Amino acid sequence: MGWKEGEGLGSSRNGIANPIMAGNVKLDNLGVGAQQPGVVTPEDDIYEQYKKRIMLGYRYRPNPLNNPRKAYY
């Protein structure tokens, strides 16, 4: 019972033996398969485009006093 290095997976040990390579999992602090949350794409409907533009406007709002801000997204 259990797994040993070099053996395949499964009860008959004929499954995959090589590790699965996930690649670039955390790209820009996003999860697997996630895209940039604020990028407006042609597939977005009008409401999604509006929400993304409002979010981007808030993210890049002026900061004349140079107060530190947290990255909420």
C-alpha atoms as a PDB file:
ATOM      1  CA  MET A   1       0.000   0.000   0.000  1.00  0.00           C
ATOM      2  CA  GLY A   2       1.280   3.486  -0.768  1.00  0.00           C
ATOM      3  CA  TRP A   3       3.436   4.988  -3.458  1.00  0.00           C
ATOM      4  CA  LYS A   4       7.171   4.630  -4.077  1.00  0.00           C
ATOM      5  CA  GLU A   5       9.302   6.776  -6.355  1.00  0.00           C
ATOM      6  CA  GLY A   6       9.483   5.384  -9.877  1.00  0.00           C
ATOM      7  CA  GLU A   7       6.231   3.374  -9.626  1.00  0.00           C
ATOM      8  CA  GLY A   8       3.047   4.251 -11.439  1.00  0.00           C
ATOM      9  CA  LEU A   9      -0.187   5.262  -9.741  1.00  0.00           C
ATOM     10  CA  GLY A  10      -3.111   2.928  -9.102  1.00  0.00           C
ATOM     11  CA  SER A  11      -3.621  -0.476  -7.522  1.00  0.00           C
ATOM     12  CA  SER A  12      -1.802  -2.306 -10.332  1.00  0.00           C
ATOM     13  CA  ARG A  13       0.877   0.440 -10.496  1.00  0.00           C
ATOM     14  CA  ASN A  14       0.396   0.963 -14.236  1.00  0.00           C
ATOM     15  CA  GLY A  15      -0.730   4.611 -14.025  1.00  0.00           C
ATOM     16  CA  ILE A  16       1.373   7.677 -14.696  1.00  0.00           C
ATOM     17  CA  ALA A  17       4.801   7.697 -13.078  1.00  0.00           C
ATOM     18  CA  ASN A  18       6.001  11.147 -14.112  1.00  0.00           C
ATOM     19  CA  PRO A  19       4.955  14.248 -12.141  1.00  0.00           C
ATOM     20  CA  ILE A  20       2.463  16.640 -13.704  1.00  0.00           C
ATOM     21  CA  MET A  21       4.001  19.984 -14.590  1.00  0.00           C
ATOM     22  CA  ALA A  22       1.681  22.855 -13.779  1.00  0.00           C
ATOM     23  CA  GLY A  23       3.763  25.523 -15.510  1.00  0.00           C
ATOM     24  CA  ASN A  24       3.324  29.157 -14.528  1.00  0.00           C
ATOM     25  CA  VAL A  25       0.643  28.786 -11.864  1.00  0.00           C
ATOM     26  CA  LYS A  26       0.805  32.131 -10.101  1.00  0.00           C
ATOM     27  CA  LEU A  27       1.136  34.789 -12.762  1.00  0.00           C
ATOM     28  CA  ASP A  28       0.595  38.306 -11.386  1.00  0.00           C
ATOM     29  CA  ASN A  29      -1.005  36.860  -8.222  1.00  0.00           C
ATOM     30  CA  LEU A  30      -3.816  35.267 -10.219  1.00  0.00           C
ATOM     31  CA  GLY A  31      -4.984  31.685  -9.939  1.00  0.00           C
ATOM     32  CA  VAL A  32      -4.748  28.941 -12.522  1.00  0.00           C
ATOM     33  CA  GLY A  33      -6.489  29.924 -15.739  1.00  0.00           C
ATOM     34  CA  ALA A  34      -7.470  33.383 -14.481  1.00  0.00           C
ATOM     35  CA  GLN A  35      -7.138  36.449 -16.650  1.00  0.00           C
ATOM     36  CA  GLN A  36      -6.473  40.009 -15.654  1.00  0.00           C
ATOM     37  CA  PRO A  37      -9.639  41.129 -13.848  1.00  0.00           C
ATOM     38  CA  GLY A  38      -9.714  44.638 -15.270  1.00  0.00           C
ATOM     39  CA  VAL A  39      -8.947  43.958 -18.915  1.00  0.00           C
ATOM     40  CA  VAL A  40     -11.955  44.765 -21.070  1.00  0.00           C
ATOM     41  CA  THR A  41     -12.422  42.134 -23.756  1.00  0.00           C
ATOM     42  CA  PRO A  42     -14.762  42.112 -26.762  1.00  0.00           C
ATOM     43  CA  GLU A  43     -16.584  39.094 -25.269  1.00  0.00           C
ATOM     44  CA  ASP A  44     -17.713  41.140 -22.241  1.00  0.00           C
ATOM     45  CA  ASP A  45     -21.247  42.406 -22.238  1.00  0.00           C
ATOM     46  CA  ILE A  46     -21.952  46.110 -21.649  1.00  0.00           C
ATOM     47  CA  TYR A  47     -22.393  45.712 -17.888  1.00  0.00           C
ATOM     48  CA  GLU A  48     -19.106  43.786 -17.481  1.00  0.00           C
ATOM     49  CA  GLN A  49     -17.287  46.436 -19.512  1.00  0.00           C
ATOM     50  CA  TYR A  50     -18.781  49.152 -17.294  1.00  0.00           C
ATOM     51  CA  LYS A  51     -17.745  47.349 -14.093  1.00  0.00           C
ATOM     52  CA  LYS A  52     -14.204  46.812 -15.335  1.00  0.00           C
ATOM     53  CA  ARG A  53     -13.806  50.434 -16.407  1.00  0.00           C
ATOM     54  CA  ILE A  54     -15.074  51.678 -13.036  1.00  0.00           C
ATOM     55  CA  MET A  55     -12.678  49.312 -11.249  1.00  0.00           C
ATOM     56  CA  LEU A  56      -9.738  50.515 -13.359  1.00  0.00           C
ATOM     57  CA  GLY A  57     -10.688  54.143 -12.719  1.00  0.00           C
ATOM     58  CA  TYR A  58     -10.685  53.472  -8.982  1.00  0.00           C
ATOM     59  CA  ARG A  59      -7.417  51.557  -9.107  1.00  0.00           C
ATOM     60  CA  TYR A  60      -5.580  54.342 -10.942  1.00  0.00           C
ATOM     61  CA  ARG A  61      -7.220  57.273  -9.168  1.00  0.00           C
ATOM     62  CA  PRO A  62      -4.973  60.245  -8.274  1.00  0.00           C
ATOM     63  CA  ASN A  63      -3.044  60.144  -5.017  1.00  0.00           C
ATOM     64  CA  PRO A  64      -1.748  63.712  -4.503  1.00  0.00           C
ATOM     65  CA  LEU A  65      -0.651  63.154  -0.876  1.00  0.00           C
ATOM     66  CA  ASN A  66       1.193  59.889  -1.683  1.00  0.00           C
ATOM     67  CA  ASN A  67      -0.702  58.002   1.000  1.00  0.00           C
ATOM     68  CA  PRO A  68       0.091  54.273   1.027  1.00  0.00           C
ATOM     69  CA  ARG A  69      -2.663  52.130  -0.486  1.00  0.00           C
ATOM     70  CA  LYS A  70      -3.402  48.460  -0.261  1.00  0.00           C
ATOM     71  CA  ALA A  71      -3.833  46.462  -3.446  1.00  0.00           C
ATOM     72  CA  TYR A  72      -7.334  45.062  -2.988  1.00  0.00           C
ATOM     73  CA  TYR A  73      -7.337  43.304  -6.337  1.00  0.00           C
END
